[in-house]
Amino acid sequence: MRLARHSLGLQTLGLTARRCTREFGLLLLFLCVAIALFAPLLYVIENEMANSPEFTSIPACYWWAVITMTTVGYGDMVPRSTPGQVVALSSILSGILLMAFPVTSIFHTFSRSYLELKQEQERVLYRRAQFLIKTKSQLSGLSQDSDLLFG
């Protein structure tokens, strides 16, 4: 956390995370609902139609849905039946849409936060420079006074 005081990027990331808790919560909620919909659906379809060796359990289907909807896509589990592939396509498109909408809002908040912090940083630097100029002029005034006194 001490490092964040000196890094504008880390400060921006922290501020954005605090400001976007609602968006992150909605993203997580929507992903959980979609995963809870697609995983059992694919389990039923693949076990009924394809007897696929990959989709033998509900947890394995949930793993596939998480990986697919978050657009990681390892490719270790692939639906074999046509209806399973339709579910996979729907899952992929839903994942892309679910990730895209909140991410644009989060990016906008990140950009605003970055500009605000950069302006604040510039104000602080300006105030420091003004203080140093003022202090230097006061010190040079004192040195002139001491020259007059001690000649």
N, C-alpha and C. Protein backbone atom coordinates (compact mmCIF):
# COMPACT_ATOMS: atom_id res chain seq x y z
N MET A 1 0.82 -1.19 0.00
CA MET A 1 0.00 0.00 0.00
C MET A 1 0.87 1.26 0.00
N ARG A 2 2.05 1.16 0.56
CA ARG A 2 2.93 2.33 0.55
C ARG A 2 3.38 2.66 -0.86
N LEU A 3 3.55 1.62 -1.66
CA LEU A 3 3.97 1.83 -3.03
C LEU A 3 2.91 2.61 -3.81
N ALA A 4 1.65 2.40 -3.47
CA ALA A 4 0.55 3.07 -4.18
C ALA A 4 0.61 4.58 -3.99
N ARG A 5 1.18 5.05 -2.89
CA ARG A 5 1.29 6.51 -2.68
C ARG A 5 2.16 7.17 -3.74
N HIS A 6 3.10 6.41 -4.28
CA HIS A 6 4.05 6.98 -5.23
C HIS A 6 3.74 6.62 -6.68
N SER A 7 2.73 5.82 -6.89
CA SER A 7 2.39 5.38 -8.24
C SER A 7 1.00 5.89 -8.62
N LEU A 8 0.96 6.73 -9.63
CA LEU A 8 -0.32 7.26 -10.11
C LEU A 8 -1.21 6.15 -10.65
N GLY A 9 -0.62 5.16 -11.31
CA GLY A 9 -1.40 4.05 -11.85
C GLY A 9 -2.07 3.22 -10.77
N LEU A 10 -1.33 2.91 -9.69
CA LEU A 10 -1.91 2.13 -8.60
C LEU A 10 -2.97 2.93 -7.85
N GLN A 11 -2.75 4.23 -7.69
CA GLN A 11 -3.77 5.07 -7.05
C GLN A 11 -5.04 5.08 -7.89
N THR A 12 -4.87 5.19 -9.19
CA THR A 12 -6.02 5.19 -10.10
C THR A 12 -6.76 3.86 -10.03
N LEU A 13 -6.02 2.77 -10.01
CA LEU A 13 -6.64 1.46 -9.93
C LEU A 13 -7.44 1.30 -8.64
N GLY A 14 -6.88 1.74 -7.52
CA GLY A 14 -7.58 1.65 -6.24
C GLY A 14 -8.83 2.51 -6.20
N LEU A 15 -8.72 3.74 -6.71
CA LEU A 15 -9.86 4.65 -6.74
C LEU A 15 -10.96 4.10 -7.64
N THR A 16 -10.58 3.55 -8.78
CA THR A 16 -11.56 2.97 -9.69
C THR A 16 -12.25 1.77 -9.05
N ALA A 17 -11.50 0.93 -8.36
CA ALA A 17 -12.11 -0.23 -7.70
C ALA A 17 -13.11 0.21 -6.64
N ARG A 18 -12.79 1.28 -5.90
CA ARG A 18 -13.73 1.77 -4.89
C ARG A 18 -14.97 2.39 -5.53
N ARG A 19 -14.79 3.09 -6.63
CA ARG A 19 -15.92 3.76 -7.28
C ARG A 19 -16.80 2.79 -8.07
N CYS A 20 -16.28 1.66 -8.47
CA CYS A 20 -17.02 0.74 -9.34
C CYS A 20 -17.48 -0.53 -8.64
N THR A 21 -17.65 -0.49 -7.35
CA THR A 21 -18.07 -1.70 -6.64
C THR A 21 -19.44 -2.18 -7.15
N ARG A 22 -20.31 -1.26 -7.46
CA ARG A 22 -21.64 -1.64 -7.97
C ARG A 22 -21.51 -2.36 -9.32
N GLU A 23 -20.69 -1.82 -10.21
CA GLU A 23 -20.51 -2.45 -11.52
C GLU A 23 -19.88 -3.84 -11.39
N PHE A 24 -18.87 -3.96 -10.50
CA PHE A 24 -18.25 -5.27 -10.28
C PHE A 24 -19.26 -6.26 -9.71
N GLY A 25 -20.10 -5.78 -8.80
CA GLY A 25 -21.12 -6.64 -8.21
C GLY A 25 -22.13 -7.11 -9.24
N LEU A 26 -22.57 -6.19 -10.10
CA LEU A 26 -23.52 -6.57 -11.16
C LEU A 26 -22.89 -7.55 -12.15
N LEU A 27 -21.64 -7.31 -12.50
CA LEU A 27 -20.94 -8.22 -13.41
C LEU A 27 -20.88 -9.61 -12.81
N LEU A 28 -20.51 -9.69 -11.54
CA LEU A 28 -20.43 -10.99 -10.87
C LEU A 28 -21.81 -11.66 -10.79
N LEU A 29 -22.83 -10.88 -10.47
CA LEU A 29 -24.19 -11.44 -10.39
C LEU A 29 -24.65 -11.98 -11.74
N PHE A 30 -24.49 -11.19 -12.80
CA PHE A 30 -24.92 -11.63 -14.12
C PHE A 30 -24.15 -12.87 -14.59
N LEU A 31 -22.84 -12.89 -14.32
CA LEU A 31 -22.05 -14.06 -14.70
C LEU A 31 -22.51 -15.31 -13.95
N CYS A 32 -22.77 -15.15 -12.66
CA CYS A 32 -23.23 -16.31 -11.87
C CYS A 32 -24.57 -16.84 -12.37
N VAL A 33 -25.47 -15.94 -12.69
CA VAL A 33 -26.78 -16.37 -13.20
C VAL A 33 -26.62 -17.08 -14.54
N ALA A 34 -25.83 -16.52 -15.43
CA ALA A 34 -25.64 -17.13 -16.74
C ALA A 34 -24.93 -18.48 -16.63
N ILE A 35 -23.93 -18.56 -15.75
CA ILE A 35 -23.22 -19.82 -15.55
C ILE A 35 -24.17 -20.87 -14.98
N ALA A 36 -25.01 -20.45 -14.03
CA ALA A 36 -25.99 -21.37 -13.44
C ALA A 36 -27.03 -21.82 -14.47
N LEU A 37 -27.21 -21.07 -15.52
CA LEU A 37 -28.15 -21.45 -16.58
C LEU A 37 -27.49 -22.39 -17.60
N PHE A 38 -26.30 -22.02 -18.07
CA PHE A 38 -25.67 -22.76 -19.16
C PHE A 38 -25.04 -24.08 -18.72
N ALA A 39 -24.46 -24.15 -17.53
CA ALA A 39 -23.76 -25.37 -17.11
C ALA A 39 -24.70 -26.58 -17.00
N PRO A 40 -25.81 -26.49 -16.27
CA PRO A 40 -26.69 -27.67 -16.22
C PRO A 40 -27.33 -28.00 -17.57
N LEU A 41 -27.61 -26.96 -18.35
CA LEU A 41 -28.19 -27.18 -19.67
C LEU A 41 -27.23 -27.99 -20.54
N LEU A 42 -25.97 -27.62 -20.53
CA LEU A 42 -24.98 -28.35 -21.32
C LEU A 42 -24.78 -29.76 -20.77
N TYR A 43 -24.83 -29.91 -19.46
CA TYR A 43 -24.69 -31.24 -18.85
C TYR A 43 -25.79 -32.18 -19.35
N VAL A 44 -27.01 -31.70 -19.32
CA VAL A 44 -28.14 -32.53 -19.77
C VAL A 44 -28.01 -32.85 -21.25
N ILE A 45 -27.72 -31.86 -22.06
CA ILE A 45 -27.65 -32.07 -23.51
C ILE A 45 -26.52 -33.02 -23.88
N GLU A 46 -25.33 -32.80 -23.34
CA GLU A 46 -24.18 -33.62 -23.71
C GLU A 46 -24.30 -35.05 -23.18
N ASN A 47 -24.91 -35.24 -22.03
CA ASN A 47 -25.07 -36.60 -21.51
C ASN A 47 -26.18 -37.36 -22.22
N GLU A 48 -27.21 -36.65 -22.67
CA GLU A 48 -28.33 -37.30 -23.36
C GLU A 48 -28.00 -37.61 -24.81
N MET A 49 -27.33 -36.69 -25.50
CA MET A 49 -27.17 -36.82 -26.95
C MET A 49 -25.80 -37.31 -27.39
N ALA A 50 -24.76 -36.88 -26.71
CA ALA A 50 -23.42 -37.17 -27.23
C ALA A 50 -22.65 -38.18 -26.39
N ASN A 51 -23.09 -38.43 -25.17
CA ASN A 51 -22.32 -39.27 -24.26
C ASN A 51 -20.86 -38.82 -24.22
N SER A 52 -20.69 -37.52 -24.09
CA SER A 52 -19.37 -36.91 -24.13
C SER A 52 -18.57 -37.26 -22.88
N PRO A 53 -17.30 -37.67 -23.04
CA PRO A 53 -16.49 -38.01 -21.87
C PRO A 53 -16.07 -36.79 -21.05
N GLU A 54 -16.15 -35.61 -21.62
CA GLU A 54 -15.70 -34.41 -20.91
C GLU A 54 -16.73 -33.90 -19.91
N PHE A 55 -17.99 -34.00 -20.25
CA PHE A 55 -19.05 -33.42 -19.43
C PHE A 55 -19.74 -34.49 -18.59
N THR A 56 -18.98 -35.14 -17.73
CA THR A 56 -19.50 -36.26 -16.95
C THR A 56 -20.10 -35.83 -15.62
N SER A 57 -19.84 -34.61 -15.20
CA SER A 57 -20.38 -34.16 -13.91
C SER A 57 -20.81 -32.70 -14.00
N ILE A 58 -21.68 -32.32 -13.08
CA ILE A 58 -22.13 -30.93 -13.02
C ILE A 58 -20.96 -29.99 -12.71
N PRO A 59 -20.08 -30.31 -11.74
CA PRO A 59 -18.94 -29.41 -11.49
C PRO A 59 -18.05 -29.21 -12.72
N ALA A 60 -17.87 -30.26 -13.51
CA ALA A 60 -17.08 -30.12 -14.74
C ALA A 60 -17.77 -29.16 -15.70
N CYS A 61 -19.09 -29.22 -15.77
CA CYS A 61 -19.84 -28.31 -16.64
C CYS A 61 -19.77 -26.88 -16.13
N TYR A 62 -19.80 -26.72 -14.80
CA TYR A 62 -19.64 -25.37 -14.25
C TYR A 62 -18.25 -24.82 -14.57
N TRP A 63 -17.23 -25.68 -14.48
CA TRP A 63 -15.88 -25.26 -14.85
C TRP A 63 -15.85 -24.80 -16.31
N TRP A 64 -16.45 -25.58 -17.19
CA TRP A 64 -16.50 -25.21 -18.60
C TRP A 64 -17.22 -23.87 -18.79
N ALA A 65 -18.35 -23.67 -18.10
CA ALA A 65 -19.12 -22.44 -18.25
C ALA A 65 -18.33 -21.23 -17.75
N VAL A 66 -17.64 -21.37 -16.64
CA VAL A 66 -16.83 -20.25 -16.12
C VAL A 66 -15.73 -19.90 -17.11
N ILE A 67 -15.01 -20.89 -17.57
CA ILE A 67 -13.90 -20.66 -18.51
C ILE A 67 -14.41 -20.08 -19.82
N THR A 68 -15.54 -20.56 -20.29
CA THR A 68 -16.10 -20.10 -21.56
C THR A 68 -16.65 -18.68 -21.44
N MET A 69 -17.40 -18.40 -20.40
CA MET A 69 -18.06 -17.10 -20.29
C MET A 69 -17.10 -15.97 -19.93
N THR A 70 -16.00 -16.30 -19.29
CA THR A 70 -15.01 -15.26 -18.99
C THR A 70 -14.02 -15.09 -20.13
N THR A 71 -14.27 -15.74 -21.23
CA THR A 71 -13.50 -15.68 -22.48
C THR A 71 -12.06 -16.18 -22.32
N VAL A 72 -11.82 -17.06 -21.35
CA VAL A 72 -10.50 -17.68 -21.23
C VAL A 72 -10.37 -18.77 -22.27
N GLY A 73 -11.30 -19.71 -22.28
CA GLY A 73 -11.40 -20.72 -23.32
C GLY A 73 -10.18 -21.61 -23.48
N TYR A 74 -9.93 -22.52 -22.53
CA TYR A 74 -8.79 -23.42 -22.63
C TYR A 74 -8.91 -24.38 -23.80
N GLY A 75 -10.11 -24.79 -24.14
CA GLY A 75 -10.30 -25.75 -25.21
C GLY A 75 -10.16 -27.20 -24.77
N ASP A 76 -10.07 -27.42 -23.46
CA ASP A 76 -9.93 -28.79 -22.95
C ASP A 76 -11.25 -29.55 -22.95
N MET A 77 -12.36 -28.83 -22.97
CA MET A 77 -13.69 -29.45 -22.99
C MET A 77 -14.47 -28.84 -24.15
N VAL A 78 -14.94 -29.70 -25.05
CA VAL A 78 -15.63 -29.22 -26.24
C VAL A 78 -16.93 -30.00 -26.40
N PRO A 79 -18.06 -29.31 -26.56
CA PRO A 79 -19.32 -30.02 -26.79
C PRO A 79 -19.28 -30.73 -28.15
N ARG A 80 -19.79 -31.97 -28.18
CA ARG A 80 -19.75 -32.77 -29.41
C ARG A 80 -21.08 -32.73 -30.17
N SER A 81 -22.18 -32.61 -29.48
CA SER A 81 -23.48 -32.63 -30.16
C SER A 81 -23.82 -31.25 -30.71
N THR A 82 -24.67 -31.23 -31.71
CA THR A 82 -25.09 -29.95 -32.31
C THR A 82 -25.83 -29.08 -31.31
N PRO A 83 -26.79 -29.60 -30.54
CA PRO A 83 -27.42 -28.75 -29.53
C PRO A 83 -26.42 -28.25 -28.47
N GLY A 84 -25.44 -29.09 -28.13
CA GLY A 84 -24.41 -28.67 -27.19
C GLY A 84 -23.56 -27.54 -27.75
N GLN A 85 -23.30 -27.60 -29.05
CA GLN A 85 -22.54 -26.53 -29.69
C GLN A 85 -23.35 -25.24 -29.76
N VAL A 86 -24.67 -25.36 -29.92
CA VAL A 86 -25.53 -24.18 -29.89
C VAL A 86 -25.51 -23.55 -28.50
N VAL A 87 -25.56 -24.39 -27.46
CA VAL A 87 -25.46 -23.88 -26.09
C VAL A 87 -24.11 -23.21 -25.88
N ALA A 88 -23.05 -23.82 -26.42
CA ALA A 88 -21.71 -23.24 -26.29
C ALA A 88 -21.64 -21.88 -26.98
N LEU A 89 -22.20 -21.79 -28.17
CA LEU A 89 -22.22 -20.51 -28.89
C LEU A 89 -22.98 -19.46 -28.10
N SER A 90 -24.13 -19.85 -27.58
CA SER A 90 -24.92 -18.91 -26.77
C SER A 90 -24.14 -18.48 -25.52
N SER A 91 -23.45 -19.41 -24.92
CA SER A 91 -22.66 -19.12 -23.73
C SER A 91 -21.52 -18.16 -24.06
N ILE A 92 -20.85 -18.39 -25.16
CA ILE A 92 -19.74 -17.52 -25.57
C ILE A 92 -20.24 -16.11 -25.84
N LEU A 93 -21.30 -15.99 -26.63
CA LEU A 93 -21.84 -14.66 -26.95
C LEU A 93 -22.35 -13.95 -25.70
N SER A 94 -23.00 -14.69 -24.82
CA SER A 94 -23.48 -14.10 -23.57
C SER A 94 -22.32 -13.61 -22.72
N GLY A 95 -21.26 -14.40 -22.67
CA GLY A 95 -20.08 -14.00 -21.90
C GLY A 95 -19.45 -12.74 -22.44
N ILE A 96 -19.35 -12.65 -23.76
CA ILE A 96 -18.78 -11.45 -24.37
C ILE A 96 -19.63 -10.23 -24.04
N LEU A 97 -20.93 -10.35 -24.20
CA LEU A 97 -21.82 -9.22 -23.91
C LEU A 97 -21.82 -8.86 -22.43
N LEU A 98 -21.86 -9.87 -21.57
CA LEU A 98 -21.86 -9.60 -20.13
C LEU A 98 -20.57 -8.92 -19.67
N MET A 99 -19.46 -9.28 -20.29
CA MET A 99 -18.19 -8.66 -19.91
C MET A 99 -18.05 -7.26 -20.52
N ALA A 100 -18.60 -7.06 -21.70
CA ALA A 100 -18.39 -5.80 -22.41
C ALA A 100 -19.12 -4.63 -21.77
N PHE A 101 -20.36 -4.82 -21.35
CA PHE A 101 -21.13 -3.69 -20.84
C PHE A 101 -20.55 -3.08 -19.58
N PRO A 102 -20.27 -3.85 -18.54
CA PRO A 102 -19.69 -3.22 -17.34
C PRO A 102 -18.26 -2.72 -17.57
N VAL A 103 -17.52 -3.39 -18.43
CA VAL A 103 -16.12 -3.00 -18.64
C VAL A 103 -16.04 -1.61 -19.25
N THR A 104 -16.96 -1.24 -20.13
CA THR A 104 -16.93 0.11 -20.69
C THR A 104 -17.18 1.15 -19.60
N SER A 105 -18.09 0.88 -18.71
CA SER A 105 -18.35 1.80 -17.60
C SER A 105 -17.15 1.88 -16.67
N ILE A 106 -16.54 0.74 -16.39
CA ILE A 106 -15.36 0.72 -15.52
C ILE A 106 -14.21 1.47 -16.17
N PHE A 107 -14.02 1.30 -17.47
CA PHE A 107 -12.96 2.03 -18.17
C PHE A 107 -13.20 3.53 -18.13
N HIS A 108 -14.45 3.94 -18.31
CA HIS A 108 -14.78 5.37 -18.24
C HIS A 108 -14.45 5.92 -16.85
N THR A 109 -14.79 5.18 -15.82
CA THR A 109 -14.48 5.59 -14.45
C THR A 109 -12.98 5.64 -14.24
N PHE A 110 -12.25 4.68 -14.79
CA PHE A 110 -10.79 4.66 -14.68
C PHE A 110 -10.19 5.90 -15.33
N SER A 111 -10.68 6.26 -16.52
CA SER A 111 -10.16 7.44 -17.22
C SER A 111 -10.41 8.72 -16.42
N ARG A 112 -11.64 8.85 -15.89
CA ARG A 112 -11.96 10.03 -15.08
C ARG A 112 -11.09 10.09 -13.83
N SER A 113 -10.93 8.96 -13.17
CA SER A 113 -10.13 8.91 -11.94
C SER A 113 -8.68 9.26 -12.24
N TYR A 114 -8.15 8.77 -13.35
CA TYR A 114 -6.78 9.08 -13.74
C TYR A 114 -6.60 10.57 -13.96
N LEU A 115 -7.54 11.19 -14.68
CA LEU A 115 -7.43 12.64 -14.92
C LEU A 115 -7.52 13.43 -13.62
N GLU A 116 -8.43 13.03 -12.74
CA GLU A 116 -8.57 13.73 -11.45
C GLU A 116 -7.29 13.63 -10.63
N LEU A 117 -6.73 12.43 -10.54
CA LEU A 117 -5.52 12.25 -9.75
C LEU A 117 -4.33 12.96 -10.38
N LYS A 118 -4.26 12.98 -11.71
CA LYS A 118 -3.17 13.68 -12.39
C LYS A 118 -3.27 15.19 -12.14
N GLN A 119 -4.48 15.74 -12.21
CA GLN A 119 -4.66 17.17 -11.92
C GLN A 119 -4.32 17.48 -10.47
N GLU A 120 -4.71 16.62 -9.55
CA GLU A 120 -4.37 16.82 -8.14
C GLU A 120 -2.87 16.76 -7.93
N GLN A 121 -2.21 15.84 -8.60
CA GLN A 121 -0.76 15.73 -8.51
C GLN A 121 -0.09 17.00 -9.04
N GLU A 122 -0.60 17.53 -10.14
CA GLU A 122 -0.04 18.76 -10.70
C GLU A 122 -0.27 19.94 -9.76
N ARG A 123 -1.45 20.00 -9.10
CA ARG A 123 -1.71 21.07 -8.13
C ARG A 123 -0.74 21.00 -6.96
N VAL A 124 -0.48 19.79 -6.48
CA VAL A 124 0.45 19.62 -5.37
C VAL A 124 1.86 20.05 -5.78
N LEU A 125 2.29 19.67 -6.97
CA LEU A 125 3.60 20.08 -7.44
C LEU A 125 3.68 21.59 -7.62
N TYR A 126 2.61 22.20 -8.11
CA TYR A 126 2.59 23.66 -8.27
C TYR A 126 2.69 24.34 -6.91
N ARG A 127 1.93 23.83 -5.92
CA ARG A 127 1.99 24.42 -4.57
C ARG A 127 3.38 24.26 -3.96
N ARG A 128 4.01 23.13 -4.17
CA ARG A 128 5.37 22.93 -3.66
C ARG A 128 6.34 23.91 -4.31
N ALA A 129 6.20 24.07 -5.63
CA ALA A 129 7.09 25.00 -6.33
C ALA A 129 6.88 26.42 -5.83
N GLN A 130 5.62 26.82 -5.63
CA GLN A 130 5.34 28.16 -5.10
C GLN A 130 5.92 28.33 -3.71
N PHE A 131 5.82 27.30 -2.88
CA PHE A 131 6.38 27.36 -1.53
C PHE A 131 7.89 27.50 -1.58
N LEU A 132 8.54 26.74 -2.46
CA LEU A 132 10.00 26.83 -2.58
C LEU A 132 10.43 28.20 -3.08
N ILE A 133 9.70 28.75 -4.03
CA ILE A 133 10.03 30.09 -4.54
C ILE A 133 9.87 31.12 -3.44
N LYS A 134 8.79 31.01 -2.69
CA LYS A 134 8.54 31.94 -1.58
C LYS A 134 9.62 31.81 -0.51
N THR A 135 9.97 30.58 -0.17
CA THR A 135 11.00 30.35 0.85
C THR A 135 12.34 30.87 0.37
N LYS A 136 12.66 30.66 -0.89
CA LYS A 136 13.93 31.14 -1.44
C LYS A 136 13.99 32.66 -1.40
N SER A 137 12.89 33.31 -1.76
CA SER A 137 12.89 34.78 -1.74
C SER A 137 13.00 35.29 -0.31
N GLN A 138 12.38 34.60 0.65
CA GLN A 138 12.50 35.01 2.05
C GLN A 138 13.93 34.81 2.54
N LEU A 139 14.54 33.70 2.15
CA LEU A 139 15.92 33.44 2.56
C LEU A 139 16.88 34.42 1.92
N SER A 140 16.66 34.77 0.67
CA SER A 140 17.54 35.74 0.02
C SER A 140 17.34 37.12 0.65
N GLY A 141 16.12 37.41 1.09
CA GLY A 141 15.87 38.66 1.81
C GLY A 141 16.58 38.67 3.14
N LEU A 142 16.63 37.56 3.83
CA LEU A 142 17.35 37.46 5.10
C LEU A 142 18.84 37.60 4.90
N SER A 143 19.37 37.04 3.83
CA SER A 143 20.81 37.15 3.59
C SER A 143 21.19 38.59 3.27
N GLN A 144 20.30 39.32 2.59
CA GLN A 144 20.58 40.74 2.33
C GLN A 144 20.54 41.54 3.62
N ASP A 145 19.59 41.21 4.51
CA ASP A 145 19.51 41.89 5.81
C ASP A 145 20.74 41.60 6.65
N SER A 146 21.24 40.36 6.61
CA SER A 146 22.42 40.03 7.40
C SER A 146 23.65 40.71 6.83
N ASP A 147 23.70 40.90 5.51
CA ASP A 147 24.82 41.63 4.91
C ASP A 147 24.81 43.08 5.38
N LEU A 148 23.62 43.66 5.50
CA LEU A 148 23.52 45.04 5.97
C LEU A 148 23.94 45.15 7.44
N LEU A 149 23.56 44.17 8.24
CA LEU A 149 23.87 44.21 9.67
C LEU A 149 25.34 43.92 9.95
N PHE A 150 25.89 42.93 9.29
CA PHE A 150 27.23 42.49 9.61
C PHE A 150 28.26 42.91 8.58
N GLY A 151 27.80 43.57 7.57
CA GLY A 151 28.55 44.18 6.56
C GLY A 151 29.67 43.58 5.94
